[in-house]
Protein backbone atom coordinates (compact mmCIF):
# COMPACT_ATOMS: atom_id res chain seq x y z
CA UNK A 1 -12.27 19.38 -21.13
CA UNK A 2 -10.82 17.68 -18.09
CA UNK A 3 -9.07 14.19 -18.66
CA UNK A 4 -11.19 12.66 -16.06
CA UNK A 5 -14.22 13.54 -14.23
CA UNK A 6 -14.32 11.85 -10.84
CA UNK A 7 -17.77 11.31 -9.21
CA UNK A 8 -17.87 10.90 -5.61
CA UNK A 9 -21.43 9.94 -4.31
CA UNK A 10 -21.74 11.07 -0.59
CA UNK A 11 -24.23 10.20 2.12
CA UNK A 12 -23.48 10.59 5.86
CA UNK A 13 -19.87 9.63 5.66
CA UNK A 14 -18.28 12.53 7.74
CA UNK A 15 -16.14 9.91 9.46
CA UNK A 16 -14.33 9.03 6.30
CA UNK A 17 -14.92 11.78 3.84
CA UNK A 18 -11.69 13.93 4.55
CA UNK A 19 -9.27 10.96 3.82
CA UNK A 20 -11.25 10.24 0.58
CA UNK A 21 -11.10 13.73 -0.54
CA UNK A 22 -7.49 14.20 0.12
CA UNK A 23 -6.62 11.33 -1.94
CA UNK A 24 -8.28 12.69 -4.86
CA UNK A 25 -7.11 16.27 -4.62
CA UNK A 26 -3.59 14.84 -4.26
CA UNK A 27 -3.81 12.78 -7.61
CA UNK A 28 -0.47 12.98 -9.76
CA UNK A 29 -3.03 13.62 -12.60
CA UNK A 30 -3.96 17.38 -11.87
CA UNK A 31 -6.25 17.89 -15.02
CA UNK A 32 -9.52 16.42 -13.35
CA UNK A 33 -12.70 17.63 -12.21
CA UNK A 34 -14.05 16.28 -8.88
CA UNK A 35 -18.00 16.00 -8.79
CA UNK A 36 -19.17 15.53 -5.25
CA UNK A 37 -22.85 14.65 -5.11
CA UNK A 38 -24.52 15.17 -1.91
CA UNK A 39 -27.52 12.75 -1.43
CA UNK A 40 -29.23 14.74 1.34
CA UNK A 41 -26.60 13.79 4.12
CA UNK A 42 -27.88 14.60 7.66
CA UNK A 43 -24.41 14.66 9.41
CA UNK A 44 -21.73 17.10 8.58
CA UNK A 45 -20.65 15.70 5.09
CA UNK A 46 -22.08 18.71 3.15
CA UNK A 47 -19.81 21.15 5.39
CA UNK A 48 -16.91 19.14 4.78
CA UNK A 49 -17.48 19.12 0.86
CA UNK A 50 -17.99 22.86 0.95
CA UNK A 51 -14.77 23.59 2.99
CA UNK A 52 -12.64 21.37 0.32
CA UNK A 53 -14.57 23.20 -2.43
CA UNK A 54 -13.31 26.77 -1.35
CA UNK A 55 -9.85 25.51 -1.40
CA UNK A 56 -9.70 23.67 -4.64
CA UNK A 57 -11.50 25.01 -7.81
CA UNK A 58 -11.98 21.64 -9.34
CA UNK A 59 -14.19 20.55 -6.62
CA UNK A 60 -18.14 20.77 -7.74
CA UNK A 61 -20.60 20.39 -5.01
CA UNK A 62 -24.03 19.26 -6.00
CA UNK A 63 -26.61 19.05 -3.12
CA UNK A 64 -29.98 17.40 -3.39
CA UNK A 65 -32.61 15.66 -1.53
CA UNK A 66 -32.13 11.98 -0.72
CA UNK A 67 -33.11 9.81 -3.86
CA UNK A 68 -30.57 7.05 -3.56
CA UNK A 69 -27.43 5.88 -5.15
CA UNK A 70 -28.51 5.40 -8.85
CA UNK A 71 -29.92 8.83 -9.23
CA UNK A 72 -26.92 10.36 -7.48
CA UNK A 73 -24.49 8.59 -9.65
CA UNK A 74 -26.47 9.65 -13.02
CA UNK A 75 -26.64 13.21 -11.69
CA UNK A 76 -22.82 13.01 -11.45
CA UNK A 77 -22.36 11.39 -14.90
CA UNK A 78 -24.60 13.91 -16.76
CA UNK A 79 -22.90 16.88 -15.15
CA UNK A 80 -19.31 15.38 -16.14
CA UNK A 81 -17.40 17.11 -18.85
CA UNK A 82 -14.45 14.98 -18.72
CA UNK A 83 -12.91 12.80 -21.50
CA UNK A 84 -13.51 9.72 -19.03
CA UNK A 85 -15.58 9.16 -15.80
CA UNK A 86 -14.18 7.75 -12.75
CA UNK A 87 -16.19 6.71 -9.54
CA UNK A 88 -14.95 6.74 -5.97
CA UNK A 89 -17.00 5.87 -3.07
CA UNK A 90 -16.82 8.50 -0.43
CA UNK A 91 -15.69 5.95 2.39
CA UNK A 92 -12.94 4.46 0.20
CA UNK A 93 -9.58 6.27 -0.76
CA UNK A 94 -7.36 6.07 -3.86
CA UNK A 95 -3.68 5.66 -4.53
CA UNK A 96 -2.32 9.11 -5.66
CA UNK A 97 -1.34 7.75 -9.12
CA UNK A 98 -4.42 5.94 -9.80
CA UNK A 99 -5.95 8.14 -12.44
CA UNK A 100 -2.49 9.16 -13.97
CA UNK A 101 -1.91 5.47 -14.71
CA UNK A 102 -5.32 4.32 -15.79
CA UNK A 103 -5.70 7.53 -17.93
CA UNK A 104 -2.35 6.74 -19.58
CA UNK A 105 -3.37 2.96 -20.16
CA UNK A 106 -6.60 4.35 -21.72
CA UNK A 107 -5.14 6.83 -24.21
CA UNK A 108 -2.49 4.28 -25.33
CA UNK A 109 -5.13 1.83 -26.48
CA UNK A 110 -8.26 4.31 -27.01
CA UNK A 111 -9.92 2.18 -24.43
CA UNK A 112 -13.72 2.23 -23.59
CA UNK A 113 -12.74 0.74 -20.00
CA UNK A 114 -9.61 0.59 -18.01
CA UNK A 115 -10.04 -1.32 -14.86
CA UNK A 116 -7.48 -2.08 -12.21
CA UNK A 117 -7.40 -4.29 -9.12
CA UNK A 118 -7.96 -3.19 -5.65
CA UNK A 119 -7.28 -3.57 -2.11
CA UNK A 120 -9.47 -4.62 0.80
CA UNK A 121 -8.83 -2.06 3.69
CA UNK A 122 -9.65 -2.19 7.63
CA UNK A 123 -9.17 1.24 9.20
CA UNK A 124 -8.97 -0.32 12.78
CA UNK A 125 -5.60 -1.75 11.97
CA UNK A 126 -4.54 0.34 9.13
CA UNK A 127 -4.09 -2.88 7.26
CA UNK A 128 -4.76 -3.68 3.63
CA UNK A 129 -4.75 -6.68 1.40
CA UNK A 130 -4.57 -6.98 -2.19
CA UNK A 131 -7.59 -8.76 -3.87
CA UNK A 132 -6.11 -10.23 -6.94
CA UNK A 133 -9.16 -10.19 -8.77
CA UNK A 134 -7.61 -9.26 -12.10
CA UNK A 135 -5.65 -12.20 -13.55
CA UNK A 136 -1.79 -11.17 -14.49
CA UNK A 137 -2.17 -13.28 -17.35
CA UNK A 138 -4.89 -10.84 -18.75
CA UNK A 139 -3.42 -7.66 -17.56
CA UNK A 140 -2.45 -5.11 -20.27
CA UNK A 141 -4.01 -6.81 -23.41
CA UNK A 142 -6.68 -5.01 -25.41
CA UNK A 143 -9.77 -7.43 -25.13
CA UNK A 144 -13.68 -7.40 -24.89
CA UNK A 145 -16.28 -9.75 -24.00
CA UNK A 146 -16.79 -11.26 -27.26
CA UNK A 147 -13.57 -12.66 -27.10
CA UNK A 148 -13.35 -13.16 -23.24
CA UNK A 149 -16.71 -13.78 -21.23
CA UNK A 150 -14.77 -13.79 -17.96
CA UNK A 151 -15.00 -9.90 -18.19
CA UNK A 152 -18.87 -10.33 -17.38
CA UNK A 153 -17.70 -12.21 -14.06
CA UNK A 154 -15.37 -9.50 -12.70
CA UNK A 155 -16.80 -8.08 -9.44
CA UNK A 156 -18.88 -5.09 -10.12
CA UNK A 157 -16.41 -2.92 -8.71
CA UNK A 158 -17.27 0.33 -10.64
CA UNK A 159 -14.99 2.20 -8.50
CA UNK A 160 -11.84 0.57 -9.74
CA UNK A 161 -11.99 1.55 -13.32
CA UNK A 162 -12.47 4.62 -15.76
CA UNK A 163 -15.02 4.59 -18.38
CA UNK A 164 -15.08 6.80 -21.77
CA UNK A 165 -17.80 9.38 -21.33
CA UNK A 166 -18.64 9.01 -25.10
CA UNK A 167 -18.91 5.42 -24.85
CA UNK A 168 -21.41 5.73 -22.00
CA UNK A 169 -23.35 8.48 -23.82
CA UNK A 170 -23.46 6.43 -27.13
CA UNK A 171 -25.14 3.41 -25.52
CA UNK A 172 -27.01 5.80 -22.92
CA UNK A 173 -25.56 3.50 -20.02
CA UNK A 174 -26.66 4.90 -16.54
CA UNK A 175 -27.62 3.39 -13.30
CA UNK A 176 -30.98 2.00 -12.34
CA UNK A 177 -32.64 4.57 -10.16
CA UNK A 178 -34.55 2.26 -7.82
CA UNK A 179 -35.15 4.37 -4.81
CA UNK A 180 -33.43 3.47 -1.89
CA UNK A 181 -31.96 0.32 -3.70
CA UNK A 182 -28.77 -1.50 -3.18
CA UNK A 183 -26.55 -3.60 -5.59
CA UNK A 184 -26.86 -0.90 -8.26
CA UNK A 185 -23.44 -1.46 -9.44
CA UNK A 186 -24.32 -4.74 -11.13
CA UNK A 187 -26.44 -3.68 -13.96
CA UNK A 188 -24.00 -0.96 -14.80
CA UNK A 189 -20.98 -3.06 -14.79
CA UNK A 190 -22.64 -5.70 -17.03
CA UNK A 191 -23.83 -3.37 -19.44
CA UNK A 192 -20.45 -1.53 -20.18
CA UNK A 193 -18.67 -4.82 -20.15
CA UNK A 194 -21.17 -6.23 -22.43
CA UNK A 195 -20.87 -3.28 -24.86
CA UNK A 196 -17.35 -2.20 -24.61
CA UNK A 197 -15.23 -2.81 -27.87
CA UNK A 198 -11.76 -1.87 -26.18
CA UNK A 199 -10.96 -2.89 -22.57
CA UNK A 200 -7.67 -3.02 -20.69
CA UNK A 201 -7.17 -4.40 -17.36
CA UNK A 202 -4.29 -4.08 -15.10
CA UNK A 203 -3.40 -6.33 -12.03
CA UNK A 204 -2.02 -3.21 -10.31
CA UNK A 205 -4.29 -2.10 -7.34
CA UNK A 206 -5.01 1.43 -6.61
CA UNK A 207 -8.42 1.46 -4.91
CA UNK A 208 -8.37 1.20 -1.06
CA UNK A 209 -11.96 -0.55 -0.48
CA UNK A 210 -13.09 -0.08 3.14
CA UNK A 211 -14.44 -3.27 4.92
CA UNK A 212 -15.26 -2.23 8.32
CA UNK A 213 -18.88 -2.17 8.12
CA UNK A 214 -19.33 -5.17 5.75
CA UNK A 215 -19.98 -7.77 8.18
CA UNK A 216 -23.51 -6.67 9.35
CA UNK A 217 -26.34 -8.57 7.89
CA UNK A 218 -29.26 -7.05 5.90
CA UNK A 219 -32.34 -7.01 7.96
CA UNK A 220 -34.43 -4.38 5.90
CA UNK A 221 -37.12 -5.91 3.67
CA UNK A 222 -36.72 -2.88 1.45
CA UNK A 223 -33.46 -3.92 0.28
CA UNK A 224 -33.75 -7.72 -0.07
CA UNK A 225 -34.91 -7.62 -3.60
CA UNK A 226 -33.03 -5.01 -4.98
CA UNK A 227 -30.51 -7.58 -6.43
CA UNK A 228 -33.41 -8.99 -8.46
CA UNK A 229 -34.24 -5.58 -9.77
CA UNK A 230 -30.67 -5.28 -11.19
CA UNK A 231 -30.71 -8.83 -12.99
CA UNK A 232 -34.27 -8.08 -14.28
CA UNK A 233 -32.88 -5.00 -15.83
CA UNK A 234 -29.99 -6.88 -17.36
CA UNK A 235 -32.69 -9.32 -18.82
CA UNK A 236 -34.41 -6.02 -20.38
CA UNK A 237 -30.94 -4.72 -21.64
CA UNK A 238 -30.02 -7.67 -23.35
CA UNK A 239 -33.55 -8.03 -25.24
CA UNK A 240 -32.44 -4.68 -26.74
CA UNK A 241 -29.30 -6.44 -28.45
CA UNK A 242 -30.23 -9.85 -29.75
CA UNK A 243 -26.55 -10.43 -30.50
CA UNK A 244 -25.79 -9.95 -26.98
CA UNK A 245 -28.48 -11.98 -25.73
CA UNK A 246 -27.36 -14.98 -27.74
CA UNK A 247 -23.87 -14.51 -26.47
CA UNK A 248 -24.32 -13.39 -22.97
CA UNK A 249 -27.83 -14.83 -21.72
CA UNK A 250 -26.13 -17.89 -19.88
CA UNK A 251 -23.40 -15.66 -18.47
CA UNK A 252 -26.25 -13.67 -17.15
CA UNK A 253 -27.83 -16.42 -15.55
CA UNK A 254 -24.51 -17.64 -13.96
CA UNK A 255 -23.94 -14.17 -12.55
CA UNK A 256 -27.62 -13.96 -11.29
CA UNK A 257 -27.37 -17.44 -9.37
CA UNK A 258 -24.12 -16.40 -7.90
CA UNK A 259 -25.46 -13.00 -7.00
CA UNK A 260 -28.68 -14.37 -5.55
CA UNK A 261 -26.49 -16.95 -3.31
CA UNK A 262 -24.26 -14.12 -2.21
CA UNK A 263 -27.43 -11.96 -1.44
CA UNK A 264 -28.93 -14.67 0.51
CA UNK A 265 -25.97 -15.32 2.65
CA UNK A 266 -25.92 -11.86 3.86
CA UNK A 267 -29.64 -11.90 4.85
CA UNK A 268 -30.68 -11.94 8.26
CA UNK A 269 -31.80 -15.74 8.68
CA UNK A 270 -35.46 -14.50 9.50
CA UNK A 271 -35.51 -13.40 5.75
CA UNK A 272 -33.82 -16.07 3.97
CA UNK A 273 -36.63 -18.53 3.54
CA UNK A 274 -38.80 -15.93 1.62
CA UNK A 275 -35.91 -14.87 -0.66
CA UNK A 276 -34.96 -18.48 -1.36
CA UNK A 277 -38.67 -19.17 -2.83
CA UNK A 278 -38.11 -16.26 -5.36
CA UNK A 279 -34.60 -17.53 -6.12
CA UNK A 280 -35.96 -21.22 -6.53
CA UNK A 281 -38.78 -20.06 -8.61
CA UNK A 282 -36.81 -18.16 -11.18
CA UNK A 283 -34.37 -20.94 -11.63
CA UNK A 284 -36.84 -23.55 -12.12
CA UNK A 285 -38.49 -21.75 -14.67
CA UNK A 286 -35.47 -21.15 -16.51
CA UNK A 287 -34.45 -24.76 -15.99
CA UNK A 288 -37.76 -26.06 -17.31
CA UNK A 289 -37.55 -23.97 -20.67
CA UNK A 290 -34.29 -25.78 -21.22
CA UNK A 291 -32.41 -22.51 -21.03
CA UNK A 292 -29.71 -23.85 -18.63
CA UNK A 293 -27.15 -26.38 -20.05
CA UNK A 294 -23.53 -27.57 -19.73
CA UNK A 295 -22.27 -23.91 -20.12
CA UNK A 296 -24.24 -23.03 -17.12
CA UNK A 297 -23.60 -26.14 -14.97
CA UNK A 298 -19.71 -25.77 -15.62
CA UNK A 299 -19.72 -22.86 -13.42
CA UNK A 300 -22.68 -23.68 -10.84
CA UNK A 301 -22.86 -26.63 -8.68
CA UNK A 302 -25.68 -28.78 -9.96
CA UNK A 303 -26.23 -30.64 -6.90
CA UNK A 304 -27.01 -27.59 -4.98
CA UNK A 305 -29.00 -26.16 -7.93
CA UNK A 306 -31.35 -29.41 -8.10
CA UNK A 307 -31.84 -29.03 -4.30
CA UNK A 308 -32.83 -25.07 -4.86
CA UNK A 309 -35.36 -25.98 -7.53
CA UNK A 310 -37.04 -28.83 -6.18
CA UNK A 311 -36.80 -28.27 -2.16
CA UNK A 312 -36.34 -24.82 -1.40
CA UNK A 313 -36.79 -25.37 2.28
CA UNK A 314 -34.12 -27.81 2.55
CA UNK A 315 -31.93 -25.63 0.39
CA UNK A 316 -32.17 -22.95 2.96
CA UNK A 317 -31.07 -25.10 5.68
CA UNK A 318 -28.24 -26.12 3.36
CA UNK A 319 -27.10 -22.56 3.32
CA UNK A 320 -25.25 -22.90 6.44
CA UNK A 321 -23.19 -25.53 4.99
CA UNK A 322 -22.22 -23.43 1.89
CA UNK A 323 -21.64 -20.42 4.21
CA UNK A 324 -18.97 -22.42 6.35
CA UNK A 325 -17.38 -23.63 2.98
CA UNK A 326 -17.25 -19.95 1.70
CA UNK A 327 -15.73 -18.64 5.12
CA UNK A 328 -12.94 -21.52 5.07
CA UNK A 329 -12.06 -20.68 1.25
CA UNK A 330 -12.00 -17.04 2.16
CA UNK A 331 -9.71 -17.53 5.15
CA UNK A 332 -7.46 -19.84 3.06
CA UNK A 333 -7.20 -17.20 0.02
CA UNK A 334 -6.50 -14.60 2.47
CA UNK A 335 -3.43 -16.29 4.12
CA UNK A 336 -2.10 -17.61 0.77
CA UNK A 337 -2.72 -17.49 -2.88
CA UNK A 338 -0.43 -18.02 -5.98
CA UNK A 339 -0.46 -16.53 -9.44
CA UNK A 340 1.88 -16.39 -12.49
CA UNK A 341 2.94 -13.56 -14.72
CA UNK A 342 5.91 -13.29 -17.17
CA UNK A 343 7.28 -16.78 -16.15
CA UNK A 344 7.44 -15.79 -12.55
CA UNK A 345 5.69 -16.94 -9.65
CA UNK A 346 4.05 -14.54 -7.34
CA UNK A 347 2.82 -15.47 -3.92
CA UNK A 348 0.50 -13.38 -1.68
CA UNK A 349 0.84 -13.96 1.91
CA UNK A 350 -1.34 -12.04 4.44
CA UNK A 351 -1.77 -9.52 1.78
CA UNK A 352 1.98 -9.03 0.92
CA UNK A 353 3.06 -9.90 -2.40
CA UNK A 354 6.26 -11.84 -2.79
CA UNK A 355 7.91 -12.81 -6.23
């Protein structure tokens, strides 16, 4: 049994695939299997995979017709024989010590999940910036969502973690297989953190998350409502576990609000009014049912929320103000951020960490 099965979903990434694969075959943890699932690529991605497989017997290439990310990931998980599962997107790449370090933490703590921080990466200038999404104060401490709900608010960055295979199988945790869908990491991430009993975080960053194509707005109507499908799936999931629904329903609604807001800001402006109507209708129903209270509004701006449910058209216009504020905060955070660990102040300036 390999220590870790690393799943790489592949679709038309010939430009970045070699760098990704090299970062995996050069891992200092050698006892791994590398499952590359080609989702019907029409470029040279499959040829690249086959060439690598000839040179490294740990590489398994699965070639299939295009069926979407969820089906691709589930095929990889179902094929995996490893003790733990890792996921690497085929346009990203990893520090060579990533899986050795995460596996060591997993074994020391018998963890269901071990999750690290990550870098945003721009290939144009070969520049990376640590994201600081994992709080140093919470690093290297055994925890779970029952004692720390903030785990359910961590970005659904499924590729910065490893997951115990037996844990995934016990609860049959898989990706939603909506054809052609996006955002399918949202439901998977919520489920694993809601159910995991033993979670270890590390604020050390290992994964380089490529940013070069993230600025394009979403113009496809087919993808607009995929985020809604994910949160509807989380609702279905919570109903399976009454105790989890009691504890985590409000957090799910907080996540849904923030997820819808982030999604609408990525949309082409011509698609925003229609999506805001769906956004407004859902939360108006929840508000009128009395589900949303102090816990919800401690995390969500109530003034914006009331505008959303009472006047969706005006809220749509207000999105430009929200967008400007978010851009300013992102620029400020990218320039400088300050955090604490073990009595020391760490400052990150332009992506470089200084103690």
